[in-house]
Amino acid sequence: MKKEVSAGVIIYFKKGKIIKYLLLKYKGLTGKIYWGLAKGHQEKKEKILETARREVKEETGLDLKEIDLNFKKEEKYFFKKGKDLILKKVIYFLAPAPSFKIHLSEEHLDYKWTSLKEAKKLIKFKNLKKILEDAEKYLQRKSS
């Protein structure tokens, strides 16, 4: 079985008690359209945090200055690529948005700033919903 590692960042902004998350609209390998977070493949000799920063920059144009290293979540899932079954591991970090000016890469169809409630309606994957819930709890605890 083949394995792939990716890294991503839950990008958010917080004003008072209101927290919004940046979701990206993808067109998957099978042509299915889905909402997710900024993430991508780790390149050879690249540290996982470097992957996360690079992918966010490539996919959104955002240059993350501040990443909260106390929040780190991992997601694992299987998918098919041709005849191969791939075990995918994605490591997510958390970072405040340095700007609201998003410059989407060609691999994305759209973006949206959403509440947790709205994000959970748009995202189809249980693991990712749970990671966003954990981020929300973490951010609420951090500010209290």
Protein backbone atom coordinates (compact mmCIF):
# COMPACT_ATOMS: atom_id res chain seq x y z
CA MET A 1 0.00 0.00 0.00
CA LYS A 2 1.26 3.45 -0.88
CA LYS A 3 1.33 6.28 1.65
CA GLU A 4 1.11 10.04 1.23
CA VAL A 5 1.66 12.84 3.74
CA SER A 6 0.14 16.28 3.47
CA ALA A 7 -0.02 19.33 5.71
CA GLY A 8 -2.58 22.05 6.02
CA VAL A 9 -3.73 24.95 8.11
CA ILE A 10 -7.06 25.88 9.62
CA ILE A 11 -7.07 29.59 8.85
CA TYR A 12 -9.43 31.67 10.98
CA PHE A 13 -10.28 35.16 12.12
CA LYS A 14 -11.79 35.99 15.46
CA LYS A 15 -13.66 39.11 16.49
CA GLY A 16 -15.02 38.93 20.01
CA LYS A 17 -16.75 35.58 20.28
CA ILE A 18 -17.25 35.25 16.51
CA ILE A 19 -14.88 32.86 14.76
CA LYS A 20 -14.84 32.36 10.99
CA TYR A 21 -12.88 29.72 9.07
CA LEU A 22 -11.53 29.81 5.54
CA LEU A 23 -12.91 26.99 3.39
CA LEU A 24 -11.74 26.23 -0.13
CA LYS A 25 -13.85 24.61 -2.84
CA TYR A 26 -11.97 21.81 -4.60
CA LYS A 27 -12.57 19.70 -7.65
CA GLY A 28 -11.28 16.25 -6.71
CA LEU A 29 -9.48 13.66 -8.83
CA THR A 30 -12.77 11.95 -9.60
CA GLY A 31 -14.40 15.23 -10.63
CA LYS A 32 -16.42 15.51 -7.43
CA ILE A 33 -16.62 18.97 -5.91
CA TYR A 34 -16.10 19.39 -2.17
CA TRP A 35 -15.19 21.96 0.48
CA GLY A 36 -12.03 21.63 2.57
CA LEU A 37 -9.08 23.42 4.10
CA ALA A 38 -5.83 24.65 2.57
CA LYS A 39 -3.51 21.64 2.38
CA GLY A 40 -1.11 19.79 0.11
CA HIS A 41 1.60 17.18 -0.36
CA GLN A 42 4.84 17.21 1.56
CA GLU A 43 7.85 17.47 -0.76
CA LYS A 44 11.10 15.58 -0.26
CA LYS A 45 13.27 16.92 2.58
CA GLU A 46 10.56 19.41 3.53
CA LYS A 47 9.55 19.72 7.18
CA ILE A 48 5.81 19.38 7.79
CA LEU A 49 5.44 23.00 8.96
CA GLU A 50 7.23 24.18 5.80
CA THR A 51 4.73 22.16 3.75
CA ALA A 52 1.81 23.78 5.56
CA ARG A 53 3.15 27.33 4.99
CA ARG A 54 4.02 26.67 1.34
CA GLU A 55 0.66 25.09 0.52
CA VAL A 56 -1.28 27.94 2.14
CA LYS A 57 0.78 30.46 0.15
CA GLU A 58 0.27 28.53 -3.12
CA GLU A 59 -3.46 27.94 -2.61
CA THR A 60 -4.58 31.23 -1.05
CA GLY A 61 -1.77 33.76 -1.49
CA LEU A 62 -1.62 34.18 2.31
CA ASP A 63 1.80 34.41 3.92
CA LEU A 64 1.32 32.98 7.41
CA LYS A 65 3.46 34.71 10.02
CA GLU A 66 1.89 33.15 13.08
CA ILE A 67 1.06 29.43 13.37
CA ASP A 68 -0.14 28.07 16.71
CA LEU A 69 2.08 25.03 17.31
CA ASN A 70 0.07 24.05 20.39
CA PHE A 71 -2.74 22.95 18.07
CA LYS A 72 -1.85 20.04 15.82
CA LYS A 73 -4.40 17.50 14.54
CA GLU A 74 -3.99 14.51 12.28
CA GLU A 75 -6.44 13.01 9.83
CA LYS A 76 -6.02 9.63 8.12
CA TYR A 77 -8.07 8.18 5.29
CA PHE A 78 -7.85 5.91 2.26
CA PHE A 79 -8.47 6.82 -1.36
CA LYS A 80 -7.92 5.23 -4.75
CA LYS A 81 -5.54 6.61 -7.35
CA GLY A 82 -5.93 4.48 -10.44
CA LYS A 83 -5.55 0.91 -9.18
CA ASP A 84 -3.59 1.90 -6.09
CA LEU A 85 -5.07 2.22 -2.61
CA ILE A 86 -3.40 5.16 -0.84
CA LEU A 87 -3.23 5.77 2.89
CA LYS A 88 -3.27 9.54 3.29
CA LYS A 89 -2.16 11.32 6.45
CA VAL A 90 -2.86 15.04 6.76
CA ILE A 91 -1.48 17.13 9.63
CA TYR A 92 -3.35 20.37 10.36
CA PHE A 93 -2.13 23.41 12.22
CA LEU A 94 -4.06 26.52 13.24
CA ALA A 95 -3.30 30.12 12.25
CA PRO A 96 -5.00 33.51 12.30
CA ALA A 97 -5.60 35.05 8.89
CA PRO A 98 -2.99 37.74 8.17
CA SER A 99 -5.35 39.20 5.55
CA PHE A 100 -8.76 38.67 3.97
CA LYS A 101 -7.36 39.10 0.45
CA ILE A 102 -7.41 35.59 -0.99
CA HIS A 103 -5.77 34.76 -4.32
CA LEU A 104 -7.00 31.29 -5.20
CA SER A 105 -4.84 28.86 -7.12
CA GLU A 106 -6.17 27.23 -10.28
CA GLU A 107 -6.97 24.03 -8.37
CA HIS A 108 -9.77 25.76 -6.45
CA LEU A 109 -13.17 26.91 -7.61
CA ASP A 110 -14.09 29.27 -4.77
CA TYR A 111 -13.52 30.19 -1.14
CA LYS A 112 -15.72 31.16 1.76
CA TRP A 113 -15.35 32.48 5.33
CA THR A 114 -17.76 30.45 7.46
CA SER A 115 -18.87 29.81 11.00
CA LEU A 116 -18.32 26.33 12.42
CA LYS A 117 -22.02 25.59 11.96
CA GLU A 118 -21.96 26.52 8.27
CA ALA A 119 -18.62 24.74 7.72
CA LYS A 120 -20.08 21.52 9.11
CA LYS A 121 -22.94 21.76 6.60
CA LEU A 122 -20.55 22.29 3.66
CA ILE A 123 -17.87 19.74 4.59
CA LYS A 124 -18.76 16.13 3.84
CA PHE A 125 -15.94 14.40 5.74
CA LYS A 126 -16.54 13.43 9.40
CA ASN A 127 -12.83 13.59 10.32
CA LEU A 128 -12.53 17.13 9.04
CA LYS A 129 -15.68 18.25 10.84
CA LYS A 130 -14.24 16.87 14.10
CA ILE A 131 -10.94 18.70 13.53
CA LEU A 132 -12.82 21.99 13.03
CA GLU A 133 -14.85 21.34 16.19
CA ASP A 134 -11.58 20.77 18.09
CA ALA A 135 -10.18 24.02 16.67
CA GLU A 136 -13.28 25.92 17.79
CA LYS A 137 -13.06 24.49 21.33
CA TYR A 138 -9.34 25.28 21.45
CA LEU A 139 -9.85 28.89 20.33
CA GLN A 140 -12.70 29.41 22.81
CA ARG A 141 -10.61 28.03 25.70
CA LYS A 142 -7.62 30.10 24.65
CA SER A 143 -9.60 33.34 24.80
CA SER A 144 -11.37 32.69 28.12
